[in-house]
C-alpha atoms as a PDB file:
ATOM      1  CA  MET A   1     -43.477  39.542  55.357  1.00  0.00           C
ATOM      2  CA  LYS A   2     -45.703  38.923  52.371  1.00  0.00           C
ATOM      3  CA  ARG A   3     -43.528  41.224  50.331  1.00  0.00           C
ATOM      4  CA  PHE A   4     -40.386  39.416  51.552  1.00  0.00           C
ATOM      5  CA  TYR A   5     -41.728  35.966  50.656  1.00  0.00           C
ATOM      6  CA  SER A   6     -42.900  37.212  47.283  1.00  0.00           C
ATOM      7  CA  PHE A   7     -39.459  38.653  46.632  1.00  0.00           C
ATOM      8  CA  LEU A   8     -37.784  35.395  47.766  1.00  0.00           C
ATOM      9  CA  THR A   9     -40.037  33.311  45.506  1.00  0.00           C
ATOM     10  CA  MET A  10     -39.248  35.493  42.511  1.00  0.00           C
ATOM     11  CA  LEU A  11     -35.511  35.308  43.326  1.00  0.00           C
ATOM     12  CA  LEU A  12     -35.556  31.487  43.486  1.00  0.00           C
ATOM     13  CA  LEU A  13     -37.541  31.281  40.247  1.00  0.00           C
ATOM     14  CA  ALA A  14     -35.084  33.572  38.447  1.00  0.00           C
ATOM     15  CA  THR A  15     -32.125  31.600  39.784  1.00  0.00           C
ATOM     16  CA  SER A  16     -33.565  28.271  38.589  1.00  0.00           C
ATOM     17  CA  MET A  17     -34.208  29.723  35.145  1.00  0.00           C
ATOM     18  CA  LEU A  18     -30.641  31.009  34.950  1.00  0.00           C
ATOM     19  CA  VAL A  19     -29.233  27.611  35.933  1.00  0.00           C
ATOM     20  CA  GLY A  20     -31.450  25.950  33.366  1.00  0.00           C
ATOM     21  CA  CYS A  21     -30.200  28.260  30.624  1.00  0.00           C
ATOM     22  CA  ASN A  22     -26.581  27.624  31.511  1.00  0.00           C
ATOM     23  CA  THR A  23     -27.165  23.861  31.545  1.00  0.00           C
ATOM     24  CA  ALA A  24     -28.774  23.986  28.126  1.00  0.00           C
ATOM     25  CA  GLN A  25     -25.831  25.881  26.711  1.00  0.00           C
ATOM     26  CA  GLU A  26     -23.162  23.440  27.918  1.00  0.00           C
ATOM     27  CA  PRO A  27     -23.776  20.693  25.284  1.00  0.00           C
ATOM     28  CA  VAL A  28     -23.490  23.293  22.525  1.00  0.00           C
ATOM     29  CA  LYS A  29     -20.065  24.370  23.717  1.00  0.00           C
ATOM     30  CA  GLU A  30     -18.973  20.724  23.938  1.00  0.00           C
ATOM     31  CA  SER A  31     -20.162  19.951  20.425  1.00  0.00           C
ATOM     32  CA  GLU A  32     -18.312  22.975  19.098  1.00  0.00           C
ATOM     33  CA  THR A  33     -14.975  21.816  20.496  1.00  0.00           C
ATOM     34  CA  LYS A  34     -15.353  18.061  19.919  1.00  0.00           C
ATOM     35  CA  PRO A  35     -14.641  17.965  16.164  1.00  0.00           C
ATOM     36  CA  LYS A  36     -11.372  19.822  16.709  1.00  0.00           C
ATOM     37  CA  THR A  37     -10.083  17.454  19.355  1.00  0.00           C
ATOM     38  CA  GLU A  38     -11.738  14.106  18.661  1.00  0.00           C
ATOM     39  CA  GLN A  39      -9.182  12.831  16.107  1.00  0.00           C
ATOM     40  CA  LYS A  40      -6.236  14.030  18.185  1.00  0.00           C
ATOM     41  CA  THR A  41      -7.697  12.373  21.278  1.00  0.00           C
ATOM     42  CA  LYS A  42      -8.127   9.049  19.468  1.00  0.00           C
ATOM     43  CA  GLU A  43      -4.571   9.153  18.146  1.00  0.00           C
ATOM     44  CA  THR A  44      -3.183   9.997  21.573  1.00  0.00           C
ATOM     45  CA  ALA A  45      -5.275   7.317  23.249  1.00  0.00           C
ATOM     46  CA  ALA A  46      -3.761   4.685  20.958  1.00  0.00           C
ATOM     47  CA  PHE A  47      -0.385   5.080  22.644  1.00  0.00           C
ATOM     48  CA  PRO A  48       1.644   3.576  24.061  1.00  0.00           C
ATOM     49  CA  VAL A  49       1.138   0.609  21.755  1.00  0.00           C
ATOM     50  CA  THR A  50       3.063  -2.624  21.327  1.00  0.00           C
ATOM     51  CA  VAL A  51       3.123  -4.139  17.849  1.00  0.00           C
ATOM     52  CA  THR A  52       4.518  -7.410  16.515  1.00  0.00           C
ATOM     53  CA  ASP A  53       6.275  -7.112  13.169  1.00  0.00           C
ATOM     54  CA  ALA A  54       6.884  -9.572  10.311  1.00  0.00           C
ATOM     55  CA  LEU A  55       9.802 -11.174  12.141  1.00  0.00           C
ATOM     56  CA  GLY A  56       7.776 -11.762  15.278  1.00  0.00           C
ATOM     57  CA  ASP A  57       9.677  -9.016  17.113  1.00  0.00           C
ATOM     58  CA  LYS A  58       7.726  -6.781  19.476  1.00  0.00           C
ATOM     59  CA  ALA A  59       8.196  -3.048  19.604  1.00  0.00           C
ATOM     60  CA  THR A  60       6.601  -0.575  22.004  1.00  0.00           C
ATOM     61  CA  ILE A  61       5.860   2.876  20.627  1.00  0.00           C
ATOM     62  CA  GLU A  62       5.305   5.406  23.392  1.00  0.00           C
ATOM     63  CA  ALA A  63       3.722   8.239  21.382  1.00  0.00           C
ATOM     64  CA  LYS A  64       2.423   8.963  17.892  1.00  0.00           C
ATOM     65  CA  PRO A  65       5.497   9.011  15.607  1.00  0.00           C
ATOM     66  CA  GLU A  66       6.348  12.470  14.331  1.00  0.00           C
ATOM     67  CA  ARG A  67       9.498  11.466  12.425  1.00  0.00           C
ATOM     68  CA  ILE A  68       9.336   8.403  10.159  1.00  0.00           C
ATOM     69  CA  VAL A  69      11.880   6.778   7.836  1.00  0.00           C
ATOM     70  CA  THR A  70      10.651   4.303   5.213  1.00  0.00           C
ATOM     71  CA  LEU A  71      12.970   1.919   3.398  1.00  0.00           C
ATOM     72  CA  VAL A  72      10.914   0.697   0.407  1.00  0.00           C
ATOM     73  CA  PRO A  73       8.508   2.462  -1.986  1.00  0.00           C
ATOM     74  CA  SER A  74       5.444   0.335  -1.143  1.00  0.00           C
ATOM     75  CA  ILE A  75       5.697   1.317   2.520  1.00  0.00           C
ATOM     76  CA  THR A  76       6.291   4.955   1.631  1.00  0.00           C
ATOM     77  CA  GLU A  77       3.192   5.035  -0.567  1.00  0.00           C
ATOM     78  CA  THR A  78       1.165   3.457   2.231  1.00  0.00           C
ATOM     79  CA  VAL A  79       2.396   5.977   4.806  1.00  0.00           C
ATOM     80  CA  PHE A  80       1.478   8.864   2.518  1.00  0.00           C
ATOM     81  CA  ALA A  81      -1.934   7.307   1.808  1.00  0.00           C
ATOM     82  CA  LEU A  82      -2.520   7.281   5.574  1.00  0.00           C
ATOM     83  CA  GLY A  83      -1.963  11.045   5.672  1.00  0.00           C
ATOM     84  CA  LEU A  84       1.476  10.891   7.287  1.00  0.00           C
ATOM     85  CA  GLY A  85       3.509  12.549   4.544  1.00  0.00           C
ATOM     86  CA  GLU A  86       4.620  15.456   6.698  1.00  0.00           C
ATOM     87  CA  ALA A  87       6.051  13.046   9.273  1.00  0.00           C
ATOM     88  CA  VAL A  88       8.292  11.293   6.720  1.00  0.00           C
ATOM     89  CA  VAL A  89      11.879  12.524   7.032  1.00  0.00           C
ATOM     90  CA  GLY A  90      13.710   9.891   4.976  1.00  0.00           C
ATOM     91  CA  VAL A  91      12.974   7.453   2.143  1.00  0.00           C
ATOM     92  CA  SER A  92      14.846   5.004  -0.084  1.00  0.00           C
ATOM     93  CA  ASP A  93      16.603   6.023  -3.295  1.00  0.00           C
ATOM     94  CA  PHE A  94      13.854   4.270  -5.272  1.00  0.00           C
ATOM     95  CA  ASP A  95      10.955   6.329  -3.932  1.00  0.00           C
ATOM     96  CA  ASN A  96       9.277   8.359  -6.646  1.00  0.00           C
ATOM     97  CA  TYR A  97       5.628   8.572  -5.595  1.00  0.00           C
ATOM     98  CA  PRO A  98       3.925  10.734  -4.585  1.00  0.00           C
ATOM     99  CA  GLU A  99       5.885  13.795  -5.672  1.00  0.00           C
ATOM    100  CA  GLU A 100       6.316  14.836  -2.056  1.00  0.00           C
ATOM    101  CA  ALA A 101       8.062  11.537  -1.343  1.00  0.00           C
ATOM    102  CA  ALA A 102      10.557  12.074  -4.139  1.00  0.00           C
ATOM    103  CA  ALA A 103      11.574  15.330  -2.467  1.00  0.00           C
ATOM    104  CA  LYS A 104      12.350  13.682   0.889  1.00  0.00           C
ATOM    105  CA  GLU A 105      15.909  12.977   1.993  1.00  0.00           C
ATOM    106  CA  LYS A 106      17.239   9.766   0.442  1.00  0.00           C
ATOM    107  CA  VAL A 107      18.870   7.279   2.831  1.00  0.00           C
ATOM    108  CA  GLY A 108      20.147   4.686   0.355  1.00  0.00           C
ATOM    109  CA  GLY A 109      18.985   1.926  -1.935  1.00  0.00           C
ATOM    110  CA  MET A 110      19.801  -1.757  -1.564  1.00  0.00           C
ATOM    111  CA  GLU A 111      22.216  -0.702   1.166  1.00  0.00           C
ATOM    112  CA  PHE A 112      20.865   2.051   3.409  1.00  0.00           C
ATOM    113  CA  ASN A 113      23.042   4.525   5.288  1.00  0.00           C
ATOM    114  CA  VAL A 114      22.779   3.686   8.989  1.00  0.00           C
ATOM    115  CA  GLU A 115      24.541   6.827  10.187  1.00  0.00           C
ATOM    116  CA  GLN A 116      22.354   9.043   8.027  1.00  0.00           C
ATOM    117  CA  ILE A 117      19.180   7.448   9.350  1.00  0.00           C
ATOM    118  CA  ILE A 118      20.307   7.854  12.958  1.00  0.00           C
ATOM    119  CA  ALA A 119      21.118  11.511  12.266  1.00  0.00           C
ATOM    120  CA  LEU A 120      17.516  12.044  11.113  1.00  0.00           C
ATOM    121  CA  LYS A 121      16.377  11.098  14.640  1.00  0.00           C
ATOM    122  CA  PRO A 122      13.371   9.031  13.545  1.00  0.00           C
ATOM    123  CA  ASP A 123      10.741   7.875  16.014  1.00  0.00           C
ATOM    124  CA  ILE A 124      10.329   4.729  13.914  1.00  0.00           C
ATOM    125  CA  VAL A 125      11.929   3.134  10.864  1.00  0.00           C
ATOM    126  CA  LEU A 126       9.600   1.061   8.683  1.00  0.00           C
ATOM    127  CA  ALA A 127      11.688  -1.631   6.990  1.00  0.00           C
ATOM    128  CA  HIS A 128      10.643  -4.447   4.647  1.00  0.00           C
ATOM    129  CA  GLU A 129      10.943  -8.203   4.959  1.00  0.00           C
ATOM    130  CA  SER A 130      12.508  -8.410   1.492  1.00  0.00           C
ATOM    131  CA  GLY A 131      15.471  -6.446   2.831  1.00  0.00           C
ATOM    132  CA  LEU A 132      16.599  -9.000   5.386  1.00  0.00           C
ATOM    133  CA  SER A 133      19.984  -9.102   3.663  1.00  0.00           C
ATOM    134  CA  LYS A 134      20.424  -5.764   5.426  1.00  0.00           C
ATOM    135  CA  LYS A 135      19.577  -7.236   8.823  1.00  0.00           C
ATOM    136  CA  GLU A 136      22.940  -6.164  10.245  1.00  0.00           C
ATOM    137  CA  GLY A 137      22.062  -2.546   9.473  1.00  0.00           C
ATOM    138  CA  LEU A 138      18.673  -2.920  11.139  1.00  0.00           C
ATOM    139  CA  GLU A 139      20.371  -4.299  14.254  1.00  0.00           C
ATOM    140  CA  GLN A 140      22.697  -1.295  14.280  1.00  0.00           C
ATOM    141  CA  LEU A 141      19.671   0.989  14.211  1.00  0.00           C
ATOM    142  CA  LYS A 142      18.070  -0.893  17.097  1.00  0.00           C
ATOM    143  CA  ASN A 143      21.296  -0.756  19.088  1.00  0.00           C
ATOM    144  CA  ALA A 144      21.293   3.004  18.591  1.00  0.00           C
ATOM    145  CA  GLY A 145      17.868   3.185  20.212  1.00  0.00           C
ATOM    146  CA  VAL A 146      15.832   3.488  17.004  1.00  0.00           C
ATOM    147  CA  THR A 147      12.502   1.653  16.895  1.00  0.00           C
ATOM    148  CA  VAL A 148      12.518  -0.606  13.821  1.00  0.00           C
ATOM    149  CA  ILE A 149       9.388  -2.319  12.507  1.00  0.00           C
ATOM    150  CA  VAL A 150       9.733  -4.870   9.702  1.00  0.00           C
ATOM    151  CA  VAL A 151       6.707  -5.036   7.389  1.00  0.00           C
ATOM    152  CA  GLN A 152       6.072  -8.378   5.690  1.00  0.00           C
ATOM    153  CA  ASP A 153       6.770  -9.008   2.001  1.00  0.00           C
ATOM    154  CA  ALA A 154       3.077  -9.354   1.115  1.00  0.00           C
ATOM    155  CA  GLN A 155       2.408 -11.895  -1.637  1.00  0.00           C
ATOM    156  CA  SER A 156      -1.381 -11.671  -1.521  1.00  0.00           C
ATOM    157  CA  PHE A 157      -3.990  -8.980  -1.152  1.00  0.00           C
ATOM    158  CA  ASP A 158      -4.911 -10.205   2.327  1.00  0.00           C
ATOM    159  CA  LYS A 159      -1.285  -9.985   3.443  1.00  0.00           C
ATOM    160  CA  MET A 160      -1.108  -6.487   1.982  1.00  0.00           C
ATOM    161  CA  TYR A 161      -4.144  -5.511   4.051  1.00  0.00           C
ATOM    162  CA  ASP A 162      -2.377  -6.928   7.117  1.00  0.00           C
ATOM    163  CA  SER A 163       0.587  -4.683   6.317  1.00  0.00           C
ATOM    164  CA  PHE A 164      -1.711  -1.664   6.146  1.00  0.00           C
ATOM    165  CA  ALA A 165      -3.092  -2.605   9.565  1.00  0.00           C
ATOM    166  CA  LEU A 166       0.388  -2.959  11.095  1.00  0.00           C
ATOM    167  CA  ILE A 167       1.550   0.398   9.754  1.00  0.00           C
ATOM    168  CA  GLY A 168      -1.714   1.987  10.886  1.00  0.00           C
ATOM    169  CA  GLU A 169      -1.376   0.572  14.402  1.00  0.00           C
ATOM    170  CA  ALA A 170       2.238   1.708  14.687  1.00  0.00           C
ATOM    171  CA  THR A 171       1.449   5.240  13.544  1.00  0.00           C
ATOM    172  CA  GLY A 172      -1.902   5.868  15.211  1.00  0.00           C
ATOM    173  CA  THR A 173      -3.848   5.709  11.954  1.00  0.00           C
ATOM    174  CA  SER A 174      -5.684   2.403  12.323  1.00  0.00           C
ATOM    175  CA  GLU A 175      -9.013   3.864  11.205  1.00  0.00           C
ATOM    176  CA  LYS A 176      -7.479   5.294   8.036  1.00  0.00           C
ATOM    177  CA  ALA A 177      -5.756   1.959   7.373  1.00  0.00           C
ATOM    178  CA  ALA A 178      -9.121   0.194   7.622  1.00  0.00           C
ATOM    179  CA  GLU A 179     -10.631   2.743   5.218  1.00  0.00           C
ATOM    180  CA  LEU A 180      -7.768   2.222   2.779  1.00  0.00           C
ATOM    181  CA  THR A 181      -8.352  -1.530   2.854  1.00  0.00           C
ATOM    182  CA  GLU A 182     -12.094  -1.168   2.371  1.00  0.00           C
ATOM    183  CA  ASN A 183     -11.674   1.255  -0.535  1.00  0.00           C
ATOM    184  CA  MET A 184      -9.317  -1.132  -2.317  1.00  0.00           C
ATOM    185  CA  LYS A 185     -11.707  -4.043  -1.819  1.00  0.00           C
ATOM    186  CA  VAL A 186     -14.471  -1.983  -3.403  1.00  0.00           C
ATOM    187  CA  GLN A 187     -12.238  -1.189  -6.391  1.00  0.00           C
ATOM    188  CA  PHE A 188     -11.294  -4.830  -6.841  1.00  0.00           C
ATOM    189  CA  ALA A 189     -14.928  -5.895  -6.604  1.00  0.00           C
ATOM    190  CA  ALA A 190     -15.883  -3.428  -9.343  1.00  0.00           C
ATOM    191  CA  LEU A 191     -13.175  -4.834 -11.628  1.00  0.00           C
ATOM    192  CA  GLU A 192     -14.294  -8.392 -10.894  1.00  0.00           C
ATOM    193  CA  GLU A 193     -17.871  -7.503 -11.740  1.00  0.00           C
ATOM    194  CA  LYS A 194     -16.778  -6.072 -15.080  1.00  0.00           C
ATOM    195  CA  ALA A 195     -14.540  -9.058 -15.835  1.00  0.00           C
ATOM    196  CA  ALA A 196     -17.393 -11.478 -15.124  1.00  0.00           C
ATOM    197  CA  LYS A 197     -18.959 -10.372 -18.401  1.00  0.00           C
ATOM    198  CA  ILE A 198     -16.088 -11.903 -20.406  1.00  0.00           C
ATOM    199  CA  PRO A 199     -17.270 -15.175 -22.004  1.00  0.00           C
ATOM    200  CA  GLU A 200     -15.344 -18.269 -20.933  1.00  0.00           C
ATOM    201  CA  ALA A 201     -14.214 -18.889 -24.517  1.00  0.00           C
ATOM    202  CA  ASP A 202     -12.689 -15.404 -24.743  1.00  0.00           C
ATOM    203  CA  ARG A 203     -10.594 -15.588 -21.589  1.00  0.00           C
ATOM    204  CA  LYS A 204      -6.876 -15.330 -22.225  1.00  0.00           C
ATOM    205  CA  THR A 205      -3.688 -16.873 -20.876  1.00  0.00           C
ATOM    206  CA  VAL A 206      -1.166 -14.233 -19.883  1.00  0.00           C
ATOM    207  CA  PHE A 207       2.579 -14.423 -19.362  1.00  0.00           C
ATOM    208  CA  ILE A 208       3.930 -11.663 -17.136  1.00  0.00           C
ATOM    209  CA  GLU A 209       7.590 -10.931 -17.779  1.00  0.00           C
ATOM    210  CA  VAL A 210       9.065  -9.080 -14.816  1.00  0.00           C
ATOM    211  CA  SER A 211      12.655  -9.050 -16.111  1.00  0.00           C
ATOM    212  CA  PRO A 212      14.019  -9.176 -19.670  1.00  0.00           C
ATOM    213  CA  ALA A 213      16.086 -11.758 -21.542  1.00  0.00           C
ATOM    214  CA  PRO A 214      18.383 -13.494 -21.014  1.00  0.00           C
ATOM    215  CA  ASP A 215      17.301 -13.861 -17.359  1.00  0.00           C
ATOM    216  CA  ILE A 216      13.531 -13.895 -17.729  1.00  0.00           C
ATOM    217  CA  PHE A 217      11.566 -14.022 -14.491  1.00  0.00           C
ATOM    218  CA  THR A 218       7.828 -14.409 -14.152  1.00  0.00           C
ATOM    219  CA  THR A 219       5.263 -14.718 -11.406  1.00  0.00           C
ATOM    220  CA  GLY A 220       3.607 -18.034 -10.557  1.00  0.00           C
ATOM    221  CA  LYS A 221       0.950 -19.038  -8.067  1.00  0.00           C
ATOM    222  CA  GLY A 222       1.109 -17.717  -4.540  1.00  0.00           C
ATOM    223  CA  THR A 223       1.865 -14.147  -5.649  1.00  0.00           C
ATOM    224  CA  PHE A 224      -0.278 -11.031  -5.705  1.00  0.00           C
ATOM    225  CA  MET A 225       0.369 -10.683  -9.445  1.00  0.00           C
ATOM    226  CA  ASP A 226      -1.224 -14.091  -9.981  1.00  0.00           C
ATOM    227  CA  GLU A 227      -4.152 -12.852  -7.888  1.00  0.00           C
ATOM    228  CA  MET A 228      -4.395  -9.779 -10.117  1.00  0.00           C
ATOM    229  CA  LEU A 229      -4.855 -11.997 -13.173  1.00  0.00           C
ATOM    230  CA  THR A 230      -7.545 -13.971 -11.370  1.00  0.00           C
ATOM    231  CA  ILE A 231      -9.500 -10.776 -10.670  1.00  0.00           C
ATOM    232  CA  ILE A 232      -9.664  -9.883 -14.379  1.00  0.00           C
ATOM    233  CA  ARG A 233     -10.566 -13.446 -15.387  1.00  0.00           C
ATOM    234  CA  ALA A 234      -7.258 -14.169 -17.122  1.00  0.00           C
ATOM    235  CA  GLU A 235      -5.222 -17.344 -16.662  1.00  0.00           C
ATOM    236  CA  ASN A 236      -1.631 -17.110 -15.555  1.00  0.00           C
ATOM    237  CA  ALA A 237       0.469 -18.943 -18.164  1.00  0.00           C
ATOM    238  CA  ALA A 238       2.899 -19.811 -15.363  1.00  0.00           C
ATOM    239  CA  LYS A 239       0.199 -21.006 -12.962  1.00  0.00           C
ATOM    240  CA  ASP A 240       2.023 -24.284 -12.325  1.00  0.00           C
ATOM    241  CA  GLU A 241       5.106 -22.469 -11.016  1.00  0.00           C
ATOM    242  CA  ASP A 242       5.556 -21.349  -7.414  1.00  0.00           C
ATOM    243  CA  GLY A 243       6.304 -17.728  -6.537  1.00  0.00           C
ATOM    244  CA  TRP A 244       8.708 -15.612  -8.532  1.00  0.00           C
ATOM    245  CA  VAL A 245      10.565 -17.933 -10.880  1.00  0.00           C
ATOM    246  CA  GLN A 246      13.083 -17.821 -13.727  1.00  0.00           C
ATOM    247  CA  LEU A 247      12.133 -19.641 -16.938  1.00  0.00           C
ATOM    248  CA  ASN A 248      14.204 -20.336 -20.025  1.00  0.00           C
ATOM    249  CA  GLU A 249      12.933 -19.282 -23.428  1.00  0.00           C
ATOM    250  CA  GLU A 250      12.065 -22.840 -24.489  1.00  0.00           C
ATOM    251  CA  ALA A 251       9.729 -23.193 -21.506  1.00  0.00           C
ATOM    252  CA  ILE A 252       8.048 -19.869 -22.279  1.00  0.00           C
ATOM    253  CA  ILE A 253       7.553 -20.808 -25.931  1.00  0.00           C
ATOM    254  CA  ALA A 254       5.899 -24.046 -24.782  1.00  0.00           C
ATOM    255  CA  LEU A 255       3.479 -22.084 -22.603  1.00  0.00           C
ATOM    256  CA  ASN A 256       2.258 -20.313 -25.774  1.00  0.00           C
ATOM    257  CA  PRO A 257       0.392 -17.430 -24.045  1.00  0.00           C
ATOM    258  CA  ASP A 258      -2.286 -15.298 -25.720  1.00  0.00           C
ATOM    259  CA  THR A 259      -0.830 -12.116 -24.232  1.00  0.00           C
ATOM    260  CA  ILE A 260       2.575 -11.112 -22.873  1.00  0.00           C
ATOM    261  CA  ILE A 261       2.890  -8.299 -20.332  1.00  0.00           C
ATOM    262  CA  THR A 262       6.247  -6.689 -19.578  1.00  0.00           C
ATOM    263  CA  THR A 263       6.853  -4.718 -16.380  1.00  0.00           C
ATOM    264  CA  TYR A 264      10.327  -3.266 -16.807  1.00  0.00           C
ATOM    265  CA  GLY A 265       9.831  -0.401 -19.227  1.00  0.00           C
ATOM    266  CA  ASP A 266      11.317   2.029 -16.723  1.00  0.00           C
ATOM    267  CA  TYR A 267      14.807   0.794 -17.596  1.00  0.00           C
ATOM    268  CA  ILE A 268      14.393  -0.898 -21.008  1.00  0.00           C
ATOM    269  CA  ASP A 269      13.432   1.154 -24.048  1.00  0.00           C
ATOM    270  CA  ASN A 270      10.374  -0.149 -25.898  1.00  0.00           C
ATOM    271  CA  ALA A 271      10.270  -3.497 -24.110  1.00  0.00           C
ATOM    272  CA  PRO A 272       7.312  -4.906 -26.106  1.00  0.00           C
ATOM    273  CA  ALA A 273       9.166  -4.320 -29.405  1.00  0.00           C
ATOM    274  CA  GLN A 274      12.163  -6.262 -28.116  1.00  0.00           C
ATOM    275  CA  VAL A 275       9.918  -9.185 -27.124  1.00  0.00           C
ATOM    276  CA  LEU A 276       8.242  -9.189 -30.536  1.00  0.00           C
ATOM    277  CA  GLU A 277      11.631  -9.417 -32.245  1.00  0.00           C
ATOM    278  CA  ARG A 278      13.003 -12.381 -30.275  1.00  0.00           C
ATOM    279  CA  LYS A 279      14.246 -15.215 -32.426  1.00  0.00           C
ATOM    280  CA  GLY A 280      12.284 -18.445 -32.152  1.00  0.00           C
ATOM    281  CA  TRP A 281       9.229 -16.783 -30.610  1.00  0.00           C
ATOM    282  CA  GLN A 282       7.374 -16.253 -33.880  1.00  0.00           C
ATOM    283  CA  ASP A 283       4.924 -19.130 -33.301  1.00  0.00           C
ATOM    284  CA  ILE A 284       3.716 -17.893 -29.901  1.00  0.00           C
ATOM    285  CA  LYS A 285       0.099 -16.717 -30.151  1.00  0.00           C
ATOM    286  CA  ALA A 286       0.893 -13.421 -28.424  1.00  0.00           C
ATOM    287  CA  ILE A 287       3.648 -12.666 -30.947  1.00  0.00           C
ATOM    288  CA  GLN A 288       1.527 -13.597 -33.933  1.00  0.00           C
ATOM    289  CA  ALA A 289      -1.346 -11.401 -32.736  1.00  0.00           C
ATOM    290  CA  GLN A 290       0.992  -8.571 -31.631  1.00  0.00           C
ATOM    291  CA  GLN A 291      -0.447  -8.869 -28.134  1.00  0.00           C
ATOM    292  CA  VAL A 292       2.602  -7.696 -26.169  1.00  0.00           C
ATOM    293  CA  TYR A 293       2.143  -4.725 -23.828  1.00  0.00           C
ATOM    294  CA  GLU A 294       4.013  -2.805 -21.173  1.00  0.00           C
ATOM    295  CA  VAL A 295       2.319  -2.019 -17.857  1.00  0.00           C
ATOM    296  CA  HIS A 296       3.904   0.512 -15.525  1.00  0.00           C
ATOM    297  CA  PRO A 297       5.976  -1.541 -13.072  1.00  0.00           C
ATOM    298  CA  ASP A 298       5.266   0.668 -10.056  1.00  0.00           C
ATOM    299  CA  LEU A 299       1.547  -0.044 -10.367  1.00  0.00           C
ATOM    300  CA  VAL A 300       1.771  -3.830 -10.558  1.00  0.00           C
ATOM    301  CA  THR A 301       4.890  -4.736  -8.583  1.00  0.00           C
ATOM    302  CA  ARG A 302       4.430  -2.632  -5.433  1.00  0.00           C
ATOM    303  CA  SER A 303       2.029  -4.163  -2.936  1.00  0.00           C
ATOM    304  CA  GLY A 304       0.642  -0.829  -1.866  1.00  0.00           C
ATOM    305  CA  PRO A 305      -2.287   1.591  -2.257  1.00  0.00           C
ATOM    306  CA  ARG A 306      -1.990   1.885  -6.056  1.00  0.00           C
ATOM    307  CA  LEU A 307      -2.335  -1.833  -6.731  1.00  0.00           C
ATOM    308  CA  ALA A 308      -6.003  -1.470  -7.684  1.00  0.00           C
ATOM    309  CA  GLU A 309      -4.942   1.047 -10.303  1.00  0.00           C
ATOM    310  CA  GLY A 310      -2.375  -1.488 -11.488  1.00  0.00           C
ATOM    311  CA  VAL A 311      -5.019  -4.209 -11.852  1.00  0.00           C
ATOM    312  CA  GLU A 312      -7.101  -1.857 -13.976  1.00  0.00           C
ATOM    313  CA  GLU A 313      -4.116  -1.069 -16.230  1.00  0.00           C
ATOM    314  CA  LEU A 314      -3.435  -4.788 -16.573  1.00  0.00           C
ATOM    315  CA  ALA A 315      -7.082  -5.380 -17.461  1.00  0.00           C
ATOM    316  CA  LYS A 316      -6.991  -2.670 -20.134  1.00  0.00           C
ATOM    317  CA  ALA A 317      -3.951  -4.310 -21.727  1.00  0.00           C
ATOM    318  CA  VAL A 318      -5.381  -7.845 -21.718  1.00  0.00           C
ATOM    319  CA  TYR A 319      -9.034  -7.026 -22.459  1.00  0.00           C
ATOM    320  CA  PRO A 320      -9.102  -3.546 -24.054  1.00  0.00           C
ATOM    321  CA  GLU A 321     -12.518  -4.191 -25.550  1.00  0.00           C
ATOM    322  CA  ILE A 322     -13.949  -4.532 -22.025  1.00  0.00           C
ATOM    323  CA  PHE A 323     -11.884  -2.273 -19.817  1.00  0.00           C
ATOM    324  CA  ALA A 324     -10.549   0.459 -22.117  1.00  0.00           C
ATOM    325  CA  LYS A 325     -13.990   1.844 -22.921  1.00  0.00           C
END
């Protein structure tokens, strides 16, 4: 009996040790698999989700979109910045960035091809508030069972961040959208810090020309381009105007800006030279000092992920002695 009890005691001790070893190993196995599944689990858990778009319309998205059509470049750039490039199956004729976007199937420009979009079988179509003239086409897509989400025409940085959040929520990339917003805020803050060193007496008035003569348009207060000038400590020559506005040449001459920035060099050859040669403009300070520059339009007119880069390019043109170093 002594031998039996000794054997039983040893057996129980060995069993408890074996159980203990197995228990200790379990967390290791869990930690090994967690990194591979954590992101996928979060994305899956986000759905179904109901979002409210720029028009106040609600849309329910049942699962993470795997086929996306975007109808304006700023949205396309945002979708790619959120790591969703492979899911994009169609873009507008104007999309040229990133390179992968330019290679996607084109679905039209000012007027998109409804039938072509339907044939692409998208899970969602991301449209833009500025394209409401095409509302009939958007209704046709909805009637065909396509989920359409209209993103607002952001005229401020905060509204742009809201657009990032909406796109992130609709595509299961809310965390990446928040990171994108935070990264841009950091970039803007760095530019503001650098601009703060510019003495008050050296700060310039800037006229931004977004379309050439004879129909010259500029950007007044209440626009993200006005906000861009504020960041670099420049004064918008058209600060008394509201939104995007057309001005005649007499009014522009009266504004007498220190610097003129053109943003249409993608379709006008040597835009600054044409501005410098305009008749009657010879007394404008910017013309006299040869302070007329072109900034790449895609960087400063698209309210998307590259806008911080656009602000830096604008800063280099207006204050090269500070920002071009």
